[in-house]
Amino acid sequence: MPNTLPRMKLSREEEAYLRRWIYDEAHFRDGPGPAKRLQLAHQAIPADLATIIAAAIPDPADQAAASTVAPTGLLVWPWTEHNFHDKLGEARAFLGLTAAGKTPGTAAP
């Protein structure tokens, strides 16, 4: 049995953006990086991006690696407003979460 976590599929642009966003969040004291500026420009909620990351880049070691080296190359916001919400819904379903981000059948805190 392989020791790998299942991963939600991402486009190349989505993965590049999310890896850069991880880096920008880890280096917030250096000021907003390009992925953070795009997030703010598109009024995306950080927890929503984190949900997509949890589904698509589930390995903590892979996330930690993304936080240490800034990806290079052209960075674009890879979603339209509509397909961002579709991707978020896909990530929530992949993780077994409801639209509110809770696991079905669990009580609110």
PDB file of N, CA and C in Angstrom:
ATOM      1  N   MET A   1       0.848  -1.186   0.000  1.00  0.00           N
ATOM      2  CA  MET A   1       0.000   0.000   0.000  1.00  0.00           C
ATOM      3  C   MET A   1       0.888   1.242   0.000  1.00  0.00           C
ATOM      4  N   PRO A   2       0.719   2.113  -0.967  1.00  0.00           N
ATOM      5  CA  PRO A   2       1.580   3.294  -1.025  1.00  0.00           C
ATOM      6  C   PRO A   2       1.319   4.227   0.155  1.00  0.00           C
ATOM      7  N   ASN A   3       2.362   4.899   0.564  1.00  0.00           N
ATOM      8  CA  ASN A   3       2.268   5.830   1.682  1.00  0.00           C
ATOM      9  C   ASN A   3       2.097   7.251   1.155  1.00  0.00           C
ATOM     10  N   THR A   4       1.084   7.451   0.312  1.00  0.00           N
ATOM     11  CA  THR A   4       0.823   8.773  -0.235  1.00  0.00           C
ATOM     12  C   THR A   4      -0.624   9.150   0.032  1.00  0.00           C
ATOM     13  N   LEU A   5      -0.843  10.414   0.245  1.00  0.00           N
ATOM     14  CA  LEU A   5      -2.188  10.929   0.462  1.00  0.00           C
ATOM     15  C   LEU A   5      -2.834  11.204  -0.890  1.00  0.00           C
ATOM     16  N   PRO A   6      -4.151  10.975  -1.004  1.00  0.00           N
ATOM     17  CA  PRO A   6      -4.807  11.314  -2.268  1.00  0.00           C
ATOM     18  C   PRO A   6      -4.765  12.825  -2.478  1.00  0.00           C
ATOM     19  N   ARG A   7      -4.651  13.214  -3.732  1.00  0.00           N
ATOM     20  CA  ARG A   7      -4.546  14.640  -4.077  1.00  0.00           C
ATOM     21  C   ARG A   7      -5.607  15.016  -5.090  1.00  0.00           C
ATOM     22  N   MET A   8      -6.272  16.127  -4.836  1.00  0.00           N
ATOM     23  CA  MET A   8      -7.198  16.680  -5.810  1.00  0.00           C
ATOM     24  C   MET A   8      -6.371  17.234  -6.972  1.00  0.00           C
ATOM     25  N   LYS A   9      -6.856  17.075  -8.165  1.00  0.00           N
ATOM     26  CA  LYS A   9      -6.129  17.549  -9.350  1.00  0.00           C
ATOM     27  C   LYS A   9      -6.196  19.076  -9.458  1.00  0.00           C
ATOM     28  N   LEU A  10      -5.060  19.654  -9.842  1.00  0.00           N
ATOM     29  CA  LEU A  10      -4.958  21.090 -10.101  1.00  0.00           C
ATOM     30  C   LEU A  10      -4.364  21.306 -11.484  1.00  0.00           C
ATOM     31  N   SER A  11      -4.703  22.436 -12.081  1.00  0.00           N
ATOM     32  CA  SER A  11      -4.003  22.825 -13.307  1.00  0.00           C
ATOM     33  C   SER A  11      -2.602  23.296 -12.916  1.00  0.00           C
ATOM     34  N   ARG A  12      -1.734  23.415 -13.894  1.00  0.00           N
ATOM     35  CA  ARG A  12      -0.375  23.901 -13.636  1.00  0.00           C
ATOM     36  C   ARG A  12      -0.409  25.307 -13.027  1.00  0.00           C
ATOM     37  N   GLU A  13      -1.315  26.162 -13.552  1.00  0.00           N
ATOM     38  CA  GLU A  13      -1.421  27.535 -13.051  1.00  0.00           C
ATOM     39  C   GLU A  13      -1.944  27.564 -11.615  1.00  0.00           C
ATOM     40  N   GLU A  14      -2.919  26.687 -11.315  1.00  0.00           N
ATOM     41  CA  GLU A  14      -3.454  26.626  -9.947  1.00  0.00           C
ATOM     42  C   GLU A  14      -2.376  26.197  -8.958  1.00  0.00           C
ATOM     43  N   GLU A  15      -1.640  25.159  -9.319  1.00  0.00           N
ATOM     44  CA  GLU A  15      -0.595  24.679  -8.412  1.00  0.00           C
ATOM     45  C   GLU A  15       0.491  25.734  -8.219  1.00  0.00           C
ATOM     46  N   ALA A  16       0.906  26.388  -9.299  1.00  0.00           N
ATOM     47  CA  ALA A  16       1.937  27.433  -9.187  1.00  0.00           C
ATOM     48  C   ALA A  16       1.451  28.562  -8.292  1.00  0.00           C
ATOM     49  N   TYR A  17       0.206  28.967  -8.476  1.00  0.00           N
ATOM     50  CA  TYR A  17      -0.341  30.040  -7.641  1.00  0.00           C
ATOM     51  C   TYR A  17      -0.383  29.616  -6.174  1.00  0.00           C
ATOM     52  N   LEU A  18      -0.908  28.437  -5.887  1.00  0.00           N
ATOM     53  CA  LEU A  18      -1.053  28.014  -4.492  1.00  0.00           C
ATOM     54  C   LEU A  18       0.299  27.824  -3.808  1.00  0.00           C
ATOM     55  N   ARG A  19       1.268  27.294  -4.532  1.00  0.00           N
ATOM     56  CA  ARG A  19       2.606  27.149  -3.936  1.00  0.00           C
ATOM     57  C   ARG A  19       3.211  28.525  -3.629  1.00  0.00           C
ATOM     58  N   ARG A  20       3.008  29.488  -4.515  1.00  0.00           N
ATOM     59  CA  ARG A  20       3.512  30.832  -4.245  1.00  0.00           C
ATOM     60  C   ARG A  20       2.751  31.460  -3.083  1.00  0.00           C
ATOM     61  N   TRP A  21       1.441  31.194  -2.979  1.00  0.00           N
ATOM     62  CA  TRP A  21       0.646  31.733  -1.878  1.00  0.00           C
ATOM     63  C   TRP A  21       1.146  31.171  -0.548  1.00  0.00           C
ATOM     64  N   ILE A  22       1.477  29.881  -0.523  1.00  0.00           N
ATOM     65  CA  ILE A  22       2.049  29.280   0.681  1.00  0.00           C
ATOM     66  C   ILE A  22       3.334  30.031   1.049  1.00  0.00           C
ATOM     67  N   TYR A  23       4.186  30.264   0.068  1.00  0.00           N
ATOM     68  CA  TYR A  23       5.438  30.980   0.313  1.00  0.00           C
ATOM     69  C   TYR A  23       5.159  32.389   0.844  1.00  0.00           C
ATOM     70  N   ASP A  24       4.255  33.100   0.192  1.00  0.00           N
ATOM     71  CA  ASP A  24       3.939  34.471   0.612  1.00  0.00           C
ATOM     72  C   ASP A  24       3.403  34.505   2.041  1.00  0.00           C
ATOM     73  N   GLU A  25       2.546  33.554   2.389  1.00  0.00           N
ATOM     74  CA  GLU A  25       2.000  33.514   3.746  1.00  0.00           C
ATOM     75  C   GLU A  25       3.096  33.230   4.773  1.00  0.00           C
ATOM     76  N   ALA A  26       4.029  32.360   4.413  1.00  0.00           N
ATOM     77  CA  ALA A  26       5.120  32.035   5.342  1.00  0.00           C
ATOM     78  C   ALA A  26       6.091  33.199   5.516  1.00  0.00           C
ATOM     79  N   HIS A  27       6.125  34.108   4.538  1.00  0.00           N
ATOM     80  CA  HIS A  27       7.050  35.248   4.578  1.00  0.00           C
ATOM     81  C   HIS A  27       6.299  36.580   4.664  1.00  0.00           C
ATOM     82  N   PHE A  28       5.191  36.574   5.395  1.00  0.00           N
ATOM     83  CA  PHE A  28       4.342  37.772   5.458  1.00  0.00           C
ATOM     84  C   PHE A  28       5.073  38.977   6.016  1.00  0.00           C
ATOM     85  N   ARG A  29       6.072  38.759   6.826  1.00  0.00           N
ATOM     86  CA  ARG A  29       6.805  39.898   7.411  1.00  0.00           C
ATOM     87  C   ARG A  29       7.620  40.654   6.357  1.00  0.00           C
ATOM     88  N   ASP A  30       7.856  40.022   5.223  1.00  0.00           N
ATOM     89  CA  ASP A  30       8.579  40.673   4.131  1.00  0.00           C
ATOM     90  C   ASP A  30       7.656  41.553   3.287  1.00  0.00           C
ATOM     91  N   GLY A  31       6.380  41.583   3.632  1.00  0.00           N
ATOM     92  CA  GLY A  31       5.389  42.338   2.862  1.00  0.00           C
ATOM     93  C   GLY A  31       4.621  41.400   1.950  1.00  0.00           C
ATOM     94  N   PRO A  32       3.531  41.889   1.396  1.00  0.00           N
ATOM     95  CA  PRO A  32       2.717  41.012   0.552  1.00  0.00           C
ATOM     96  C   PRO A  32       3.434  40.655  -0.748  1.00  0.00           C
ATOM     97  N   GLY A  33       3.520  39.374  -1.001  1.00  0.00           N
ATOM     98  CA  GLY A  33       4.113  38.901  -2.242  1.00  0.00           C
ATOM     99  C   GLY A  33       3.081  38.907  -3.352  1.00  0.00           C
ATOM    100  N   PRO A  34       3.458  38.476  -4.543  1.00  0.00           N
ATOM    101  CA  PRO A  34       2.546  38.547  -5.684  1.00  0.00           C
ATOM    102  C   PRO A  34       1.280  37.694  -5.523  1.00  0.00           C
ATOM    103  N   ALA A  35       1.393  36.526  -4.923  1.00  0.00           N
ATOM    104  CA  ALA A  35       0.197  35.695  -4.739  1.00  0.00           C
ATOM    105  C   ALA A  35      -0.737  36.323  -3.708  1.00  0.00           C
ATOM    106  N   LYS A  36      -0.174  36.889  -2.662  1.00  0.00           N
ATOM    107  CA  LYS A  36      -1.005  37.551  -1.654  1.00  0.00           C
ATOM    108  C   LYS A  36      -1.707  38.760  -2.264  1.00  0.00           C
ATOM    109  N   ARG A  37      -0.999  39.523  -3.085  1.00  0.00           N
ATOM    110  CA  ARG A  37      -1.631  40.688  -3.731  1.00  0.00           C
ATOM    111  C   ARG A  37      -2.775  40.248  -4.652  1.00  0.00           C
ATOM    112  N   LEU A  38      -2.582  39.154  -5.378  1.00  0.00           N
ATOM    113  CA  LEU A  38      -3.659  38.637  -6.220  1.00  0.00           C
ATOM    114  C   LEU A  38      -4.841  38.174  -5.374  1.00  0.00           C
ATOM    115  N   GLN A  39      -4.556  37.519  -4.262  1.00  0.00           N
ATOM    116  CA  GLN A  39      -5.624  37.082  -3.356  1.00  0.00           C
ATOM    117  C   GLN A  39      -6.445  38.284  -2.898  1.00  0.00           C
ATOM    118  N   LEU A  40      -5.779  39.335  -2.485  1.00  0.00           N
ATOM    119  CA  LEU A  40      -6.468  40.532  -2.016  1.00  0.00           C
ATOM    120  C   LEU A  40      -7.242  41.199  -3.149  1.00  0.00           C
ATOM    121  N   ALA A  41      -6.660  41.259  -4.329  1.00  0.00           N
ATOM    122  CA  ALA A  41      -7.324  41.889  -5.464  1.00  0.00           C
ATOM    123  C   ALA A  41      -8.604  41.153  -5.854  1.00  0.00           C
ATOM    124  N   HIS A  42      -8.619  39.837  -5.653  1.00  0.00           N
ATOM    125  CA  HIS A  42      -9.792  39.033  -6.000  1.00  0.00           C
ATOM    126  C   HIS A  42     -10.685  38.763  -4.793  1.00  0.00           C
ATOM    127  N   GLN A  43     -10.354  39.392  -3.666  1.00  0.00           N
ATOM    128  CA  GLN A  43     -11.128  39.286  -2.433  1.00  0.00           C
ATOM    129  C   GLN A  43     -11.365  37.829  -2.024  1.00  0.00           C
ATOM    130  N   ALA A  44     -10.359  37.013  -2.212  1.00  0.00           N
ATOM    131  CA  ALA A  44     -10.445  35.610  -1.815  1.00  0.00           C
ATOM    132  C   ALA A  44     -10.138  35.484  -0.332  1.00  0.00           C
ATOM    133  N   ILE A  45     -10.863  34.619   0.322  1.00  0.00           N
ATOM    134  CA  ILE A  45     -10.689  34.386   1.756  1.00  0.00           C
ATOM    135  C   ILE A  45      -9.531  33.401   1.943  1.00  0.00           C
ATOM    136  N   PRO A  46      -8.560  33.729   2.797  1.00  0.00           N
ATOM    137  CA  PRO A  46      -7.420  32.824   2.983  1.00  0.00           C
ATOM    138  C   PRO A  46      -7.827  31.401   3.368  1.00  0.00           C
ATOM    139  N   ALA A  47      -8.857  31.240   4.187  1.00  0.00           N
ATOM    140  CA  ALA A  47      -9.288  29.894   4.574  1.00  0.00           C
ATOM    141  C   ALA A  47      -9.775  29.095   3.371  1.00  0.00           C
ATOM    142  N   ASP A  48     -10.339  29.773   2.373  1.00  0.00           N
ATOM    143  CA  ASP A  48     -10.775  29.067   1.169  1.00  0.00           C
ATOM    144  C   ASP A  48      -9.573  28.557   0.384  1.00  0.00           C
ATOM    145  N   LEU A  49      -8.539  29.369   0.284  1.00  0.00           N
ATOM    146  CA  LEU A  49      -7.319  28.913  -0.388  1.00  0.00           C
ATOM    147  C   LEU A  49      -6.686  27.765   0.397  1.00  0.00           C
ATOM    148  N   ALA A  50      -6.706  27.857   1.710  1.00  0.00           N
ATOM    149  CA  ALA A  50      -6.152  26.792   2.546  1.00  0.00           C
ATOM    150  C   ALA A  50      -6.932  25.489   2.367  1.00  0.00           C
ATOM    151  N   THR A  51      -8.239  25.585   2.152  1.00  0.00           N
ATOM    152  CA  THR A  51      -9.046  24.386   1.910  1.00  0.00           C
ATOM    153  C   THR A  51      -8.622  23.712   0.611  1.00  0.00           C
ATOM    154  N   ILE A  52      -8.407  24.500  -0.428  1.00  0.00           N
ATOM    155  CA  ILE A  52      -7.961  23.933  -1.704  1.00  0.00           C
ATOM    156  C   ILE A  52      -6.576  23.310  -1.542  1.00  0.00           C
ATOM    157  N   ILE A  53      -5.706  23.984  -0.797  1.00  0.00           N
ATOM    158  CA  ILE A  53      -4.370  23.440  -0.544  1.00  0.00           C
ATOM    159  C   ILE A  53      -4.466  22.118   0.209  1.00  0.00           C
ATOM    160  N   ALA A  54      -5.331  22.038   1.217  1.00  0.00           N
ATOM    161  CA  ALA A  54      -5.476  20.805   1.997  1.00  0.00           C
ATOM    162  C   ALA A  54      -5.886  19.631   1.110  1.00  0.00           C
ATOM    163  N   ALA A  55      -6.708  19.906   0.105  1.00  0.00           N
ATOM    164  CA  ALA A  55      -7.154  18.842  -0.788  1.00  0.00           C
ATOM    165  C   ALA A  55      -6.125  18.515  -1.864  1.00  0.00           C
ATOM    166  N   ALA A  56      -5.411  19.513  -2.343  1.00  0.00           N
ATOM    167  CA  ALA A  56      -4.519  19.314  -3.485  1.00  0.00           C
ATOM    168  C   ALA A  56      -3.058  19.105  -3.114  1.00  0.00           C
ATOM    169  N   ILE A  57      -2.649  19.644  -1.971  1.00  0.00           N
ATOM    170  CA  ILE A  57      -1.256  19.501  -1.510  1.00  0.00           C
ATOM    171  C   ILE A  57      -1.322  19.057  -0.051  1.00  0.00           C
ATOM    172  N   PRO A  58      -1.808  17.823   0.204  1.00  0.00           N
ATOM    173  CA  PRO A  58      -2.116  17.413   1.575  1.00  0.00           C
ATOM    174  C   PRO A  58      -0.907  17.071   2.452  1.00  0.00           C
ATOM    175  N   ASP A  59       0.223  16.821   1.850  1.00  0.00           N
ATOM    176  CA  ASP A  59       1.397  16.416   2.628  1.00  0.00           C
ATOM    177  C   ASP A  59       2.033  17.617   3.313  1.00  0.00           C
ATOM    178  N   PRO A  60       2.074  17.627   4.661  1.00  0.00           N
ATOM    179  CA  PRO A  60       2.684  18.758   5.375  1.00  0.00           C
ATOM    180  C   PRO A  60       4.130  19.019   4.956  1.00  0.00           C
ATOM    181  N   ALA A  61       4.856  17.965   4.622  1.00  0.00           N
ATOM    182  CA  ALA A  61       6.252  18.157   4.192  1.00  0.00           C
ATOM    183  C   ALA A  61       6.294  18.891   2.848  1.00  0.00           C
ATOM    184  N   ASP A  62       5.366  18.591   1.970  1.00  0.00           N
ATOM    185  CA  ASP A  62       5.287  19.264   0.669  1.00  0.00           C
ATOM    186  C   ASP A  62       4.907  20.729   0.872  1.00  0.00           C
ATOM    187  N   GLN A  63       3.986  20.995   1.793  1.00  0.00           N
ATOM    188  CA  GLN A  63       3.608  22.373   2.102  1.00  0.00           C
ATOM    189  C   GLN A  63       4.783  23.136   2.707  1.00  0.00           C
ATOM    190  N   ALA A  64       5.514  22.483   3.606  1.00  0.00           N
ATOM    191  CA  ALA A  64       6.679  23.122   4.220  1.00  0.00           C
ATOM    192  C   ALA A  64       7.735  23.438   3.170  1.00  0.00           C
ATOM    193  N   ALA A  65       7.937  22.532   2.241  1.00  0.00           N
ATOM    194  CA  ALA A  65       8.904  22.775   1.167  1.00  0.00           C
ATOM    195  C   ALA A  65       8.475  23.966   0.322  1.00  0.00           C
ATOM    196  N   ALA A  66       7.170  24.088   0.066  1.00  0.00           N
ATOM    197  CA  ALA A  66       6.673  25.221  -0.727  1.00  0.00           C
ATOM    198  C   ALA A  66       6.902  26.545   0.001  1.00  0.00           C
ATOM    199  N   SER A  67       6.969  26.501   1.311  1.00  0.00           N
ATOM    200  CA  SER A  67       7.149  27.734   2.080  1.00  0.00           C
ATOM    201  C   SER A  67       8.593  28.216   2.115  1.00  0.00           C
ATOM    202  N   THR A  68       9.517  27.408   1.634  1.00  0.00           N
ATOM    203  CA  THR A  68      10.927  27.773   1.759  1.00  0.00           C
ATOM    204  C   THR A  68      11.551  28.346   0.497  1.00  0.00           C
ATOM    205  N   VAL A  69      11.001  28.009  -0.662  1.00  0.00           N
ATOM    206  CA  VAL A  69      11.585  28.467  -1.924  1.00  0.00           C
ATOM    207  C   VAL A  69      10.499  29.147  -2.748  1.00  0.00           C
ATOM    208  N   ALA A  70      10.735  30.409  -3.096  1.00  0.00           N
ATOM    209  CA  ALA A  70       9.760  31.155  -3.892  1.00  0.00           C
ATOM    210  C   ALA A  70       9.746  30.624  -5.318  1.00  0.00           C
ATOM    211  N   PRO A  71       8.583  30.156  -5.789  1.00  0.00           N
ATOM    212  CA  PRO A  71       8.501  29.734  -7.188  1.00  0.00           C
ATOM    213  C   PRO A  71       8.787  30.919  -8.118  1.00  0.00           C
ATOM    214  N   THR A  72       9.363  30.638  -9.244  1.00  0.00           N
ATOM    215  CA  THR A  72       9.651  31.684 -10.222  1.00  0.00           C
ATOM    216  C   THR A  72       8.710  31.542 -11.402  1.00  0.00           C
ATOM    217  N   GLY A  73       8.717  32.504 -12.258  1.00  0.00           N
ATOM    218  CA  GLY A  73       7.887  32.467 -13.452  1.00  0.00           C
ATOM    219  C   GLY A  73       6.671  33.360 -13.309  1.00  0.00           C
ATOM    220  N   LEU A  74       5.933  33.447 -14.392  1.00  0.00           N
ATOM    221  CA  LEU A  74       4.741  34.279 -14.436  1.00  0.00           C
ATOM    222  C   LEU A  74       3.687  33.728 -13.486  1.00  0.00           C
ATOM    223  N   LEU A  75       3.125  34.597 -12.676  1.00  0.00           N
ATOM    224  CA  LEU A  75       2.095  34.193 -11.731  1.00  0.00           C
ATOM    225  C   LEU A  75       0.789  34.867 -12.121  1.00  0.00           C
ATOM    226  N   VAL A  76      -0.252  34.077 -12.256  1.00  0.00           N
ATOM    227  CA  VAL A  76      -1.567  34.599 -12.605  1.00  0.00           C
ATOM    228  C   VAL A  76      -2.591  34.068 -11.616  1.00  0.00           C
ATOM    229  N   TRP A  77      -3.701  34.818 -11.485  1.00  0.00           N
ATOM    230  CA  TRP A  77      -4.843  34.314 -10.724  1.00  0.00           C
ATOM    231  C   TRP A  77      -5.509  33.272 -11.625  1.00  0.00           C
ATOM    232  N   PRO A  78      -5.515  32.007 -11.216  1.00  0.00           N
ATOM    233  CA  PRO A  78      -5.909  30.955 -12.144  1.00  0.00           C
ATOM    234  C   PRO A  78      -7.408  30.667 -12.257  1.00  0.00           C
ATOM    235  N   TRP A  79      -8.235  31.462 -11.614  1.00  0.00           N
ATOM    236  CA  TRP A  79      -9.666  31.177 -11.602  1.00  0.00           C
ATOM    237  C   TRP A  79     -10.483  32.400 -12.001  1.00  0.00           C
ATOM    238  N   THR A  80     -11.661  32.139 -12.545  1.00  0.00           N
ATOM    239  CA  THR A  80     -12.680  33.172 -12.632  1.00  0.00           C
ATOM    240  C   THR A  80     -13.444  33.102 -11.313  1.00  0.00           C
ATOM    241  N   GLU A  81     -14.287  34.076 -11.053  1.00  0.00           N
ATOM    242  CA  GLU A  81     -15.060  34.035  -9.802  1.00  0.00           C
ATOM    243  C   GLU A  81     -15.885  32.757  -9.723  1.00  0.00           C
ATOM    244  N   HIS A  82     -16.508  32.402 -10.833  1.00  0.00           N
ATOM    245  CA  HIS A  82     -17.365  31.213 -10.840  1.00  0.00           C
ATOM    246  C   HIS A  82     -16.557  29.936 -10.630  1.00  0.00           C
ATOM    247  N   ASN A  83     -15.470  29.764 -11.384  1.00  0.00           N
ATOM    248  CA  ASN A  83     -14.772  28.487 -11.241  1.00  0.00           C
ATOM    249  C   ASN A  83     -13.941  28.408  -9.963  1.00  0.00           C
ATOM    250  N   PHE A  84     -13.648  29.557  -9.315  1.00  0.00           N
ATOM    251  CA  PHE A  84     -13.018  29.488  -7.992  1.00  0.00           C
ATOM    252  C   PHE A  84     -13.975  28.824  -7.013  1.00  0.00           C
ATOM    253  N   HIS A  85     -15.235  29.208  -7.052  1.00  0.00           N
ATOM    254  CA  HIS A  85     -16.216  28.614  -6.145  1.00  0.00           C
ATOM    255  C   HIS A  85     -16.449  27.142  -6.489  1.00  0.00           C
ATOM    256  N   ASP A  86     -16.370  26.805  -7.770  1.00  0.00           N
ATOM    257  CA  ASP A  86     -16.465  25.397  -8.164  1.00  0.00           C
ATOM    258  C   ASP A  86     -15.281  24.617  -7.598  1.00  0.00           C
ATOM    259  N   LYS A  87     -14.073  25.180  -7.717  1.00  0.00           N
ATOM    260  CA  LYS A  87     -12.867  24.502  -7.213  1.00  0.00           C
ATOM    261  C   LYS A  87     -12.929  24.357  -5.696  1.00  0.00           C
ATOM    262  N   LEU A  88     -13.429  25.396  -5.021  1.00  0.00           N
ATOM    263  CA  LEU A  88     -13.576  25.321  -3.572  1.00  0.00           C
ATOM    264  C   LEU A  88     -14.585  24.231  -3.193  1.00  0.00           C
ATOM    265  N   GLY A  89     -15.702  24.163  -3.909  1.00  0.00           N
ATOM    266  CA  GLY A  89     -16.685  23.110  -3.660  1.00  0.00           C
ATOM    267  C   GLY A  89     -16.102  21.725  -3.901  1.00  0.00           C
ATOM    268  N   GLU A  90     -15.312  21.605  -4.953  1.00  0.00           N
ATOM    269  CA  GLU A  90     -14.642  20.334  -5.247  1.00  0.00           C
ATOM    270  C   GLU A  90     -13.695  19.951  -4.107  1.00  0.00           C
ATOM    271  N   ALA A  91     -12.946  20.929  -3.602  1.00  0.00           N
ATOM    272  CA  ALA A  91     -12.018  20.666  -2.499  1.00  0.00           C
ATOM    273  C   ALA A  91     -12.777  20.248  -1.239  1.00  0.00           C
ATOM    274  N   ARG A  92     -13.853  20.948  -0.943  1.00  0.00           N
ATOM    275  CA  ARG A  92     -14.657  20.588   0.241  1.00  0.00           C
ATOM    276  C   ARG A  92     -15.208  19.173   0.118  1.00  0.00           C
ATOM    277  N   ALA A  93     -15.717  18.832  -1.056  1.00  0.00           N
ATOM    278  CA  ALA A  93     -16.242  17.480  -1.274  1.00  0.00           C
ATOM    279  C   ALA A  93     -15.116  16.450  -1.163  1.00  0.00           C
ATOM    280  N   PHE A  94     -13.962  16.770  -1.732  1.00  0.00           N
ATOM    281  CA  PHE A  94     -12.804  15.880  -1.689  1.00  0.00           C
ATOM    282  C   PHE A  94     -12.402  15.594  -0.239  1.00  0.00           C
ATOM    283  N   LEU A  95     -12.494  16.628   0.601  1.00  0.00           N
ATOM    284  CA  LEU A  95     -12.126  16.502   2.011  1.00  0.00           C
ATOM    285  C   LEU A  95     -13.278  16.003   2.880  1.00  0.00           C
ATOM    286  N   GLY A  96     -14.469  15.857   2.299  1.00  0.00           N
ATOM    287  CA  GLY A  96     -15.626  15.408   3.060  1.00  0.00           C
ATOM    288  C   GLY A  96     -16.186  16.486   3.960  1.00  0.00           C
ATOM    289  N   LEU A  97     -16.099  17.749   3.525  1.00  0.00           N
ATOM    290  CA  LEU A  97     -16.588  18.875   4.314  1.00  0.00           C
ATOM    291  C   LEU A  97     -17.891  19.394   3.738  1.00  0.00           C
ATOM    292  N   THR A  98     -18.663  20.070   4.582  1.00  0.00           N
ATOM    293  CA  THR A  98     -19.863  20.756   4.116  1.00  0.00           C
ATOM    294  C   THR A  98     -19.452  22.111   3.572  1.00  0.00           C
ATOM    295  N   ALA A  99     -20.408  22.860   3.048  1.00  0.00           N
ATOM    296  CA  ALA A  99     -20.122  24.194   2.522  1.00  0.00           C
ATOM    297  C   ALA A  99     -19.585  25.113   3.601  1.00  0.00           C
ATOM    298  N   ALA A 100     -19.920  24.858   4.852  1.00  0.00           N
ATOM    299  CA  ALA A 100     -19.432  25.690   5.950  1.00  0.00           C
ATOM    300  C   ALA A 100     -18.057  25.231   6.435  1.00  0.00           C
ATOM    301  N   GLY A 101     -17.497  24.208   5.808  1.00  0.00           N
ATOM    302  CA  GLY A 101     -16.173  23.756   6.176  1.00  0.00           C
ATOM    303  C   GLY A 101     -16.154  22.753   7.321  1.00  0.00           C
ATOM    304  N   LYS A 102     -17.320  22.253   7.717  1.00  0.00           N
ATOM    305  CA  LYS A 102     -17.405  21.288   8.814  1.00  0.00           C
ATOM    306  C   LYS A 102     -17.567  19.880   8.244  1.00  0.00           C
ATOM    307  N   THR A 103     -17.096  18.899   8.993  1.00  0.00           N
ATOM    308  CA  THR A 103     -17.331  17.519   8.620  1.00  0.00           C
ATOM    309  C   THR A 103     -18.784  17.211   8.942  1.00  0.00           C
ATOM    310  N   PRO A 104     -19.529  16.615   8.008  1.00  0.00           N
ATOM    311  CA  PRO A 104     -20.937  16.326   8.277  1.00  0.00           C
ATOM    312  C   PRO A 104     -21.101  15.502   9.558  1.00  0.00           C
ATOM    313  N   GLY A 105     -22.110  15.865  10.330  1.00  0.00           N
ATOM    314  CA  GLY A 105     -22.408  15.140  11.556  1.00  0.00           C
ATOM    315  C   GLY A 105     -21.668  15.624  12.782  1.00  0.00           C
ATOM    316  N   THR A 106     -20.858  16.684  12.648  1.00  0.00           N
ATOM    317  CA  THR A 106     -20.161  17.209  13.812  1.00  0.00           C
ATOM    318  C   THR A 106     -20.863  18.459  14.300  1.00  0.00           C
ATOM    319  N   ALA A 107     -20.799  18.671  15.592  1.00  0.00           N
ATOM    320  CA  ALA A 107     -21.449  19.836  16.193  1.00  0.00           C
ATOM    321  C   ALA A 107     -20.546  21.051  16.047  1.00  0.00           C
ATOM    322  N   ALA A 108     -21.180  22.208  15.984  1.00  0.00           N
ATOM    323  CA  ALA A 108     -20.429  23.460  15.948  1.00  0.00           C
ATOM    324  C   ALA A 108     -19.807  23.704  17.306  1.00  0.00           C
ATOM    325  N   PRO A 109     -18.632  24.354  17.337  1.00  0.00           N
ATOM    326  CA  PRO A 109     -17.978  24.609  18.638  1.00  0.00           C
ATOM    327  C   PRO A 109     -18.762  25.562  19.500  1.00  0.00           C
TER     328      PRO A 109
END
